[in-house]
């Protein structure tokens, strides 16, 4: 289960997301489980330096309610609980 604040990325398309609301589903992109970005290493540094797009993009799982914010959006298809996640506009604060 993904925890709030954790960053995940897709090894195929390099899409990066941050968990905004926890759920019990597994994050999937391009047909495979997304990888958790560790605390150490280049990937963690890259992710903290590059901010999400202005206005933000948020995806939500209609089954478990997990929500993610996109840091880097690609053409990868985001899934959770075996179905596509629904795209919605993120609240800009």
PDB file of N, CA and C in Angstrom:
ATOM      1  N   UNK A   1       0.839  -1.184   0.000  1.00  0.00           N
ATOM      2  CA  UNK A   1       0.000   0.000   0.000  1.00  0.00           C
ATOM      3  C   UNK A   1       0.885   1.249   0.000  1.00  0.00           C
ATOM      4  N   UNK A   2       0.553   2.172  -0.871  1.00  0.00           N
ATOM      5  CA  UNK A   2       1.285   3.424  -0.956  1.00  0.00           C
ATOM      6  C   UNK A   2       0.913   4.323   0.223  1.00  0.00           C
ATOM      7  N   UNK A   3       1.881   5.058   0.715  1.00  0.00           N
ATOM      8  CA  UNK A   3       1.673   5.979   1.836  1.00  0.00           C
ATOM      9  C   UNK A   3       1.675   7.421   1.329  1.00  0.00           C
ATOM     10  N   UNK A   4       0.931   8.275   1.985  1.00  0.00           N
ATOM     11  CA  UNK A   4       0.865   9.682   1.612  1.00  0.00           C
ATOM     12  C   UNK A   4       2.267  10.292   1.599  1.00  0.00           C
ATOM     13  N   UNK A   5       2.573  11.018   0.535  1.00  0.00           N
ATOM     14  CA  UNK A   5       3.864  11.683   0.402  1.00  0.00           C
ATOM     15  C   UNK A   5       4.910  10.866  -0.335  1.00  0.00           C
ATOM     16  N   UNK A   6       4.656   9.566  -0.539  1.00  0.00           N
ATOM     17  CA  UNK A   6       5.629   8.742  -1.261  1.00  0.00           C
ATOM     18  C   UNK A   6       5.576   9.051  -2.757  1.00  0.00           C
ATOM     19  N   UNK A   7       6.741   8.945  -3.409  1.00  0.00           N
ATOM     20  CA  UNK A   7       6.856   9.191  -4.839  1.00  0.00           C
ATOM     21  C   UNK A   7       7.099   7.871  -5.558  1.00  0.00           C
ATOM     22  N   UNK A   8       6.377   7.669  -6.653  1.00  0.00           N
ATOM     23  CA  UNK A   8       6.500   6.470  -7.468  1.00  0.00           C
ATOM     24  C   UNK A   8       6.810   6.871  -8.907  1.00  0.00           C
ATOM     25  N   UNK A   9       7.493   5.974  -9.640  1.00  0.00           N
ATOM     26  CA  UNK A   9       7.758   6.247 -11.046  1.00  0.00           C
ATOM     27  C   UNK A   9       7.617   4.973 -11.863  1.00  0.00           C
ATOM     28  N   UNK A  10       7.350   5.177 -13.158  1.00  0.00           N
ATOM     29  CA  UNK A  10       7.210   4.079 -14.104  1.00  0.00           C
ATOM     30  C   UNK A  10       8.551   3.894 -14.806  1.00  0.00           C
ATOM     31  N   UNK A  11       9.083   2.675 -14.782  1.00  0.00           N
ATOM     32  CA  UNK A  11      10.366   2.395 -15.419  1.00  0.00           C
ATOM     33  C   UNK A  11      10.283   2.423 -16.939  1.00  0.00           C
ATOM     34  N   UNK A  12       9.082   2.323 -17.498  1.00  0.00           N
ATOM     35  CA  UNK A  12       8.930   2.310 -18.952  1.00  0.00           C
ATOM     36  C   UNK A  12       8.808   3.729 -19.514  1.00  0.00           C
ATOM     37  N   UNK A  13       7.818   4.496 -19.046  1.00  0.00           N
ATOM     38  CA  UNK A  13       7.569   5.828 -19.619  1.00  0.00           C
ATOM     39  C   UNK A  13       8.107   6.966 -18.763  1.00  0.00           C
ATOM     40  N   UNK A  14       8.615   6.658 -17.562  1.00  0.00           N
ATOM     41  CA  UNK A  14       9.201   7.640 -16.641  1.00  0.00           C
ATOM     42  C   UNK A  14       8.181   8.611 -16.042  1.00  0.00           C
ATOM     43  N   UNK A  15       6.901   8.255 -16.054  1.00  0.00           N
ATOM     44  CA  UNK A  15       5.897   9.075 -15.383  1.00  0.00           C
ATOM     45  C   UNK A  15       6.161   9.029 -13.878  1.00  0.00           C
ATOM     46  N   UNK A  16       6.007  10.168 -13.199  1.00  0.00           N
ATOM     47  CA  UNK A  16       6.270  10.252 -11.764  1.00  0.00           C
ATOM     48  C   UNK A  16       5.057  10.830 -11.058  1.00  0.00           C
ATOM     49  N   UNK A  17       4.711  10.214  -9.928  1.00  0.00           N
ATOM     50  CA  UNK A  17       3.540  10.649  -9.173  1.00  0.00           C
ATOM     51  C   UNK A  17       3.852  10.665  -7.681  1.00  0.00           C
ATOM     52  N   UNK A  18       3.098  11.469  -6.939  1.00  0.00           N
ATOM     53  CA  UNK A  18       3.198  11.525  -5.478  1.00  0.00           C
ATOM     54  C   UNK A  18       1.833  11.170  -4.907  1.00  0.00           C
ATOM     55  N   UNK A  19       1.801  10.301  -3.903  1.00  0.00           N
ATOM     56  CA  UNK A  19       0.551   9.881  -3.278  1.00  0.00           C
ATOM     57  C   UNK A  19       0.021  11.031  -2.425  1.00  0.00           C
ATOM     58  N   UNK A  20      -1.220  11.429  -2.704  1.00  0.00           N
ATOM     59  CA  UNK A  20      -1.858  12.516  -1.967  1.00  0.00           C
ATOM     60  C   UNK A  20      -2.829  11.967  -0.919  1.00  0.00           C
ATOM     61  N   UNK A  21      -3.478  10.840  -1.251  1.00  0.00           N
ATOM     62  CA  UNK A  21      -4.415  10.202  -0.326  1.00  0.00           C
ATOM     63  C   UNK A  21      -4.209   8.698  -0.442  1.00  0.00           C
ATOM     64  N   UNK A  22      -4.006   8.036   0.692  1.00  0.00           N
ATOM     65  CA  UNK A  22      -3.728   6.601   0.698  1.00  0.00           C
ATOM     66  C   UNK A  22      -4.946   5.773   0.324  1.00  0.00           C
ATOM     67  N   UNK A  23      -4.665   4.621  -0.277  1.00  0.00           N
ATOM     68  CA  UNK A  23      -5.684   3.634  -0.596  1.00  0.00           C
ATOM     69  C   UNK A  23      -5.040   2.266  -0.502  1.00  0.00           C
ATOM     70  N   UNK A  24      -5.798   1.213  -0.734  1.00  0.00           N
ATOM     71  CA  UNK A  24      -5.233  -0.131  -0.615  1.00  0.00           C
ATOM     72  C   UNK A  24      -4.752  -0.683  -1.953  1.00  0.00           C
ATOM     73  N   UNK A  25      -4.993   0.023  -3.054  1.00  0.00           N
ATOM     74  CA  UNK A  25      -4.613  -0.455  -4.376  1.00  0.00           C
ATOM     75  C   UNK A  25      -3.125  -0.297  -4.661  1.00  0.00           C
ATOM     76  N   UNK A  26      -2.662  -1.057  -5.674  1.00  0.00           N
ATOM     77  CA  UNK A  26      -1.280  -1.003  -6.136  1.00  0.00           C
ATOM     78  C   UNK A  26      -1.233  -0.098  -7.363  1.00  0.00           C
ATOM     79  N   UNK A  27      -0.305   0.861  -7.374  1.00  0.00           N
ATOM     80  CA  UNK A  27      -0.167   1.773  -8.507  1.00  0.00           C
ATOM     81  C   UNK A  27       0.505   1.062  -9.669  1.00  0.00           C
ATOM     82  N   UNK A  28      -0.130   1.139 -10.855  1.00  0.00           N
ATOM     83  CA  UNK A  28       0.361   0.478 -12.059  1.00  0.00           C
ATOM     84  C   UNK A  28       0.404   1.501 -13.183  1.00  0.00           C
ATOM     85  N   UNK A  29       1.450   1.439 -14.006  1.00  0.00           N
ATOM     86  CA  UNK A  29       1.572   2.287 -15.190  1.00  0.00           C
ATOM     87  C   UNK A  29       2.224   1.438 -16.281  1.00  0.00           C
ATOM     88  N   UNK A  30       1.768   1.575 -17.505  1.00  0.00           N
ATOM     89  CA  UNK A  30       2.301   0.819 -18.643  1.00  0.00           C
ATOM     90  C   UNK A  30       2.257  -0.693 -18.381  1.00  0.00           C
ATOM     91  N   UNK A  31       1.267  -1.138 -17.626  1.00  0.00           N
ATOM     92  CA  UNK A  31       1.068  -2.553 -17.389  1.00  0.00           C
ATOM     93  C   UNK A  31       1.937  -3.189 -16.318  1.00  0.00           C
ATOM     94  N   UNK A  32       2.731  -2.384 -15.608  1.00  0.00           N
ATOM     95  CA  UNK A  32       3.555  -2.951 -14.540  1.00  0.00           C
ATOM     96  C   UNK A  32       3.496  -2.067 -13.305  1.00  0.00           C
ATOM     97  N   UNK A  33       3.787  -2.683 -12.145  1.00  0.00           N
ATOM     98  CA  UNK A  33       3.748  -1.962 -10.880  1.00  0.00           C
ATOM     99  C   UNK A  33       4.765  -0.823 -10.886  1.00  0.00           C
ATOM    100  N   UNK A  34       4.333   0.351 -10.426  1.00  0.00           N
ATOM    101  CA  UNK A  34       5.242   1.498 -10.344  1.00  0.00           C
ATOM    102  C   UNK A  34       6.229   1.275  -9.207  1.00  0.00           C
ATOM    103  N   UNK A  35       7.421   1.842  -9.339  1.00  0.00           N
ATOM    104  CA  UNK A  35       8.476   1.660  -8.333  1.00  0.00           C
ATOM    105  C   UNK A  35       8.500   2.835  -7.375  1.00  0.00           C
ATOM    106  N   UNK A  36       8.714   2.527  -6.112  1.00  0.00           N
ATOM    107  CA  UNK A  36       8.846   3.550  -5.078  1.00  0.00           C
ATOM    108  C   UNK A  36      10.210   4.200  -5.203  1.00  0.00           C
ATOM    109  N   UNK A  37      10.232   5.529  -5.181  1.00  0.00           N
ATOM    110  CA  UNK A  37      11.494   6.257  -5.209  1.00  0.00           C
ATOM    111  C   UNK A  37      12.064   6.246  -3.803  1.00  0.00           C
ATOM    112  N   UNK A  38      13.280   5.752  -3.646  1.00  0.00           N
ATOM    113  CA  UNK A  38      13.924   5.659  -2.345  1.00  0.00           C
ATOM    114  C   UNK A  38      14.345   7.015  -1.817  1.00  0.00           C
ATOM    115  N   UNK A  39      14.720   7.039  -0.567  1.00  0.00           N
ATOM    116  CA  UNK A  39      15.165   8.265   0.079  1.00  0.00           C
ATOM    117  C   UNK A  39      16.511   8.703  -0.482  1.00  0.00           C
ATOM    118  N   UNK A  40      17.359   7.737  -0.836  1.00  0.00           N
ATOM    119  CA  UNK A  40      18.680   8.058  -1.349  1.00  0.00           C
ATOM    120  C   UNK A  40      18.718   7.856  -2.857  1.00  0.00           C
ATOM    121  N   UNK A  41      19.719   8.423  -3.490  1.00  0.00           N
ATOM    122  CA  UNK A  41      19.936   8.174  -4.911  1.00  0.00           C
ATOM    123  C   UNK A  41      19.528   9.336  -5.795  1.00  0.00           C
ATOM    124  N   UNK A  42      19.935   9.252  -7.054  1.00  0.00           N
ATOM    125  CA  UNK A  42      19.691  10.307  -8.024  1.00  0.00           C
ATOM    126  C   UNK A  42      18.200  10.519  -8.275  1.00  0.00           C
ATOM    127  N   UNK A  43      17.426   9.457  -8.320  1.00  0.00           N
ATOM    128  CA  UNK A  43      16.008   9.578  -8.617  1.00  0.00           C
ATOM    129  C   UNK A  43      15.299  10.419  -7.563  1.00  0.00           C
ATOM    130  N   UNK A  44      15.648  10.248  -6.304  1.00  0.00           N
ATOM    131  CA  UNK A  44      15.030  11.036  -5.234  1.00  0.00           C
ATOM    132  C   UNK A  44      15.375  12.507  -5.392  1.00  0.00           C
ATOM    133  N   UNK A  45      16.628  12.794  -5.713  1.00  0.00           N
ATOM    134  CA  UNK A  45      17.050  14.179  -5.910  1.00  0.00           C
ATOM    135  C   UNK A  45      16.340  14.800  -7.100  1.00  0.00           C
ATOM    136  N   UNK A  46      16.285  14.076  -8.222  1.00  0.00           N
ATOM    137  CA  UNK A  46      15.645  14.589  -9.424  1.00  0.00           C
ATOM    138  C   UNK A  46      14.194  14.933  -9.135  1.00  0.00           C
ATOM    139  N   UNK A  47      13.502  14.059  -8.427  1.00  0.00           N
ATOM    140  CA  UNK A  47      12.077  14.253  -8.168  1.00  0.00           C
ATOM    141  C   UNK A  47      11.827  15.454  -7.268  1.00  0.00           C
ATOM    142  N   UNK A  48      12.686  15.698  -6.290  1.00  0.00           N
ATOM    143  CA  UNK A  48      12.448  16.817  -5.395  1.00  0.00           C
ATOM    144  C   UNK A  48      12.770  18.159  -6.053  1.00  0.00           C
ATOM    145  N   UNK A  49      13.612  18.158  -7.074  1.00  0.00           N
ATOM    146  CA  UNK A  49      13.975  19.401  -7.739  1.00  0.00           C
ATOM    147  C   UNK A  49      12.959  19.798  -8.800  1.00  0.00           C
ATOM    148  N   UNK A  50      12.345  18.833  -9.466  1.00  0.00           N
ATOM    149  CA  UNK A  50      11.383  19.100 -10.526  1.00  0.00           C
ATOM    150  C   UNK A  50       9.969  19.072  -9.951  1.00  0.00           C
ATOM    151  N   UNK A  51       9.326  20.225  -9.985  1.00  0.00           N
ATOM    152  CA  UNK A  51       8.002  20.349  -9.382  1.00  0.00           C
ATOM    153  C   UNK A  51       6.920  19.900 -10.354  1.00  0.00           C
ATOM    154  N   UNK A  52       5.739  19.588  -9.813  1.00  0.00           N
ATOM    155  CA  UNK A  52       4.631  19.175 -10.652  1.00  0.00           C
ATOM    156  C   UNK A  52       4.184  20.336 -11.537  1.00  0.00           C
ATOM    157  N   UNK A  53       3.521  20.026 -12.649  1.00  0.00           N
ATOM    158  CA  UNK A  53       3.060  21.075 -13.560  1.00  0.00           C
ATOM    159  C   UNK A  53       2.147  22.068 -12.853  1.00  0.00           C
ATOM    160  N   UNK A  54       2.239  23.345 -13.247  1.00  0.00           N
ATOM    161  CA  UNK A  54       1.397  24.367 -12.636  1.00  0.00           C
ATOM    162  C   UNK A  54      -0.066  24.029 -12.889  1.00  0.00           C
ATOM    163  N   UNK A  55      -0.891  24.180 -11.899  1.00  0.00           N
ATOM    164  CA  UNK A  55      -2.292  23.808 -12.004  1.00  0.00           C
ATOM    165  C   UNK A  55      -2.506  22.373 -11.585  1.00  0.00           C
ATOM    166  N   UNK A  56      -1.486  21.548 -11.769  1.00  0.00           N
ATOM    167  CA  UNK A  56      -1.507  20.166 -11.309  1.00  0.00           C
ATOM    168  C   UNK A  56      -2.490  19.265 -12.012  1.00  0.00           C
ATOM    169  N   UNK A  57      -2.173  18.002 -11.974  1.00  0.00           N
ATOM    170  CA  UNK A  57      -3.051  16.964 -12.478  1.00  0.00           C
ATOM    171  C   UNK A  57      -3.156  15.923 -11.381  1.00  0.00           C
ATOM    172  N   UNK A  58      -4.363  15.508 -11.091  1.00  0.00           N
ATOM    173  CA  UNK A  58      -4.603  14.533 -10.030  1.00  0.00           C
ATOM    174  C   UNK A  58      -5.384  13.372 -10.627  1.00  0.00           C
ATOM    175  N   UNK A  59      -5.042  12.161 -10.179  1.00  0.00           N
ATOM    176  CA  UNK A  59      -5.785  10.967 -10.567  1.00  0.00           C
ATOM    177  C   UNK A  59      -6.332  10.321  -9.310  1.00  0.00           C
ATOM    178  N   UNK A  60      -7.513   9.705  -9.421  1.00  0.00           N
ATOM    179  CA  UNK A  60      -8.154   9.062  -8.279  1.00  0.00           C
ATOM    180  C   UNK A  60      -8.634   7.674  -8.689  1.00  0.00           C
ATOM    181  N   UNK A  61      -8.546   6.736  -7.756  1.00  0.00           N
ATOM    182  CA  UNK A  61      -9.053   5.382  -7.959  1.00  0.00           C
ATOM    183  C   UNK A  61     -10.493   5.345  -7.465  1.00  0.00           C
ATOM    184  N   UNK A  62     -11.411   4.909  -8.325  1.00  0.00           N
ATOM    185  CA  UNK A  62     -12.825   4.853  -7.949  1.00  0.00           C
ATOM    186  C   UNK A  62     -13.147   3.698  -7.006  1.00  0.00           C
ATOM    187  N   UNK A  63     -12.208   2.768  -6.831  1.00  0.00           N
ATOM    188  CA  UNK A  63     -12.455   1.630  -5.951  1.00  0.00           C
ATOM    189  C   UNK A  63     -11.953   1.899  -4.531  1.00  0.00           C
ATOM    190  N   UNK A  64     -10.650   2.227  -4.388  1.00  0.00           N
ATOM    191  CA  UNK A  64     -10.091   2.402  -3.036  1.00  0.00           C
ATOM    192  C   UNK A  64      -9.959   3.869  -2.624  1.00  0.00           C
ATOM    193  N   UNK A  65     -10.172   4.795  -3.550  1.00  0.00           N
ATOM    194  CA  UNK A  65     -10.116   6.216  -3.215  1.00  0.00           C
ATOM    195  C   UNK A  65      -8.723   6.811  -3.182  1.00  0.00           C
ATOM    196  N   UNK A  66      -7.697   6.020  -3.539  1.00  0.00           N
ATOM    197  CA  UNK A  66      -6.331   6.535  -3.555  1.00  0.00           C
ATOM    198  C   UNK A  66      -6.219   7.683  -4.560  1.00  0.00           C
ATOM    199  N   UNK A  67      -5.552   8.765  -4.163  1.00  0.00           N
ATOM    200  CA  UNK A  67      -5.345   9.914  -5.037  1.00  0.00           C
ATOM    201  C   UNK A  67      -3.860  10.165  -5.192  1.00  0.00           C
ATOM    202  N   UNK A  68      -3.455  10.530  -6.422  1.00  0.00           N
ATOM    203  CA  UNK A  68      -2.054  10.835  -6.690  1.00  0.00           C
ATOM    204  C   UNK A  68      -1.952  12.142  -7.455  1.00  0.00           C
ATOM    205  N   UNK A  69      -0.885  12.885  -7.207  1.00  0.00           N
ATOM    206  CA  UNK A  69      -0.559  14.091  -7.951  1.00  0.00           C
ATOM    207  C   UNK A  69       0.551  13.740  -8.921  1.00  0.00           C
ATOM    208  N   UNK A  70       0.427  14.194 -10.168  1.00  0.00           N
ATOM    209  CA  UNK A  70       1.432  13.902 -11.179  1.00  0.00           C
ATOM    210  C   UNK A  70       2.555  14.928 -11.105  1.00  0.00           C
ATOM    211  N   UNK A  71       3.799  14.446 -11.040  1.00  0.00           N
ATOM    212  CA  UNK A  71       4.972  15.315 -11.077  1.00  0.00           C
ATOM    213  C   UNK A  71       5.412  15.497 -12.520  1.00  0.00           C
ATOM    214  N   UNK A  72       5.545  14.388 -13.235  1.00  0.00           N
ATOM    215  CA  UNK A  72       5.901  14.398 -14.653  1.00  0.00           C
ATOM    216  C   UNK A  72       4.876  13.541 -15.371  1.00  0.00           C
ATOM    217  N   UNK A  73       4.103  14.140 -16.275  1.00  0.00           N
ATOM    218  CA  UNK A  73       3.070  13.410 -16.979  1.00  0.00           C
ATOM    219  C   UNK A  73       3.598  12.918 -18.319  1.00  0.00           C
ATOM    220  N   UNK A  74       3.343  11.652 -18.621  1.00  0.00           N
ATOM    221  CA  UNK A  74       3.724  11.059 -19.896  1.00  0.00           C
ATOM    222  C   UNK A  74       2.482  10.408 -20.495  1.00  0.00           C
ATOM    223  N   UNK A  75       2.681   9.559 -21.484  1.00  0.00           N
ATOM    224  CA  UNK A  75       1.558   8.892 -22.125  1.00  0.00           C
ATOM    225  C   UNK A  75       1.160   7.605 -21.421  1.00  0.00           C
ATOM    226  N   UNK A  76       1.841   7.252 -20.343  1.00  0.00           N
ATOM    227  CA  UNK A  76       1.523   6.022 -19.610  1.00  0.00           C
ATOM    228  C   UNK A  76       0.122   6.053 -19.031  1.00  0.00           C
ATOM    229  N   UNK A  77      -0.498   4.877 -18.950  1.00  0.00           N
ATOM    230  CA  UNK A  77      -1.850   4.755 -18.413  1.00  0.00           C
ATOM    231  C   UNK A  77      -1.758   4.336 -16.950  1.00  0.00           C
ATOM    232  N   UNK A  78      -2.286   5.172 -16.064  1.00  0.00           N
ATOM    233  CA  UNK A  78      -2.244   4.904 -14.630  1.00  0.00           C
ATOM    234  C   UNK A  78      -3.417   4.035 -14.219  1.00  0.00           C
ATOM    235  N   UNK A  79      -3.127   2.980 -13.437  1.00  0.00           N
ATOM    236  CA  UNK A  79      -4.153   2.071 -12.958  1.00  0.00           C
ATOM    237  C   UNK A  79      -3.983   1.828 -11.466  1.00  0.00           C
ATOM    238  N   UNK A  80      -5.091   1.472 -10.836  1.00  0.00           N
ATOM    239  CA  UNK A  80      -5.110   1.086  -9.430  1.00  0.00           C
ATOM    240  C   UNK A  80      -6.294   0.149  -9.256  1.00  0.00           C
ATOM    241  N   UNK A  81      -6.150  -0.872  -8.448  1.00  0.00           N
ATOM    242  CA  UNK A  81      -7.221  -1.845  -8.203  1.00  0.00           C
ATOM    243  C   UNK A  81      -7.725  -2.472  -9.499  1.00  0.00           C
ATOM    244  N   UNK A  82      -6.836  -2.648 -10.485  1.00  0.00           N
ATOM    245  CA  UNK A  82      -7.184  -3.319 -11.723  1.00  0.00           C
ATOM    246  C   UNK A  82      -7.966  -2.510 -12.734  1.00  0.00           C
ATOM    247  N   UNK A  83      -8.082  -1.209 -12.538  1.00  0.00           N
ATOM    248  CA  UNK A  83      -8.785  -0.371 -13.506  1.00  0.00           C
ATOM    249  C   UNK A  83      -8.073   0.966 -13.674  1.00  0.00           C
ATOM    250  N   UNK A  84      -8.396   1.654 -14.772  1.00  0.00           N
ATOM    251  CA  UNK A  84      -7.796   2.974 -15.006  1.00  0.00           C
ATOM    252  C   UNK A  84      -8.200   3.946 -13.909  1.00  0.00           C
ATOM    253  N   UNK A  85      -7.235   4.775 -13.520  1.00  0.00           N
ATOM    254  CA  UNK A  85      -7.550   5.821 -12.554  1.00  0.00           C
ATOM    255  C   UNK A  85      -8.229   6.967 -13.294  1.00  0.00           C
ATOM    256  N   UNK A  86      -9.129   7.662 -12.619  1.00  0.00           N
ATOM    257  CA  UNK A  86      -9.862   8.757 -13.215  1.00  0.00           C
ATOM    258  C   UNK A  86      -9.090  10.056 -13.043  1.00  0.00           C
ATOM    259  N   UNK A  87      -8.915  10.795 -14.130  1.00  0.00           N
ATOM    260  CA  UNK A  87      -8.213  12.073 -14.094  1.00  0.00           C
ATOM    261  C   UNK A  87      -9.164  13.173 -13.635  1.00  0.00           C
ATOM    262  N   UNK A  88      -8.641  14.048 -12.768  1.00  0.00           N
ATOM    263  CA  UNK A  88      -9.417  15.223 -12.368  1.00  0.00           C
ATOM    264  C   UNK A  88      -8.463  16.373 -12.159  1.00  0.00           C
ATOM    265  N   UNK A  89      -8.954  17.562 -12.224  1.00  0.00           N
ATOM    266  CA  UNK A  89      -8.125  18.750 -12.033  1.00  0.00           C
ATOM    267  C   UNK A  89      -7.777  18.871 -10.562  1.00  0.00           C
ATOM    268  N   UNK A  90      -6.507  19.124 -10.282  1.00  0.00           N
ATOM    269  CA  UNK A  90      -6.059  19.302  -8.898  1.00  0.00           C
ATOM    270  C   UNK A  90      -6.425  20.692  -8.416  1.00  0.00           C
ATOM    271  N   UNK A  91      -6.651  20.802  -7.123  1.00  0.00           N
ATOM    272  CA  UNK A  91      -6.910  22.113  -6.535  1.00  0.00           C
ATOM    273  C   UNK A  91      -5.613  22.896  -6.468  1.00  0.00           C
ATOM    274  N   UNK A  92      -5.641  24.118  -6.957  1.00  0.00           N
ATOM    275  CA  UNK A  92      -4.468  24.976  -6.928  1.00  0.00           C
ATOM    276  C   UNK A  92      -4.575  25.868  -5.710  1.00  0.00           C
ATOM    277  N   UNK A  93      -3.547  25.795  -4.827  1.00  0.00           N
ATOM    278  CA  UNK A  93      -3.606  26.637  -3.636  1.00  0.00           C
ATOM    279  C   UNK A  93      -2.538  27.685  -3.656  1.00  0.00           C
TER     280      UNK A  93
END
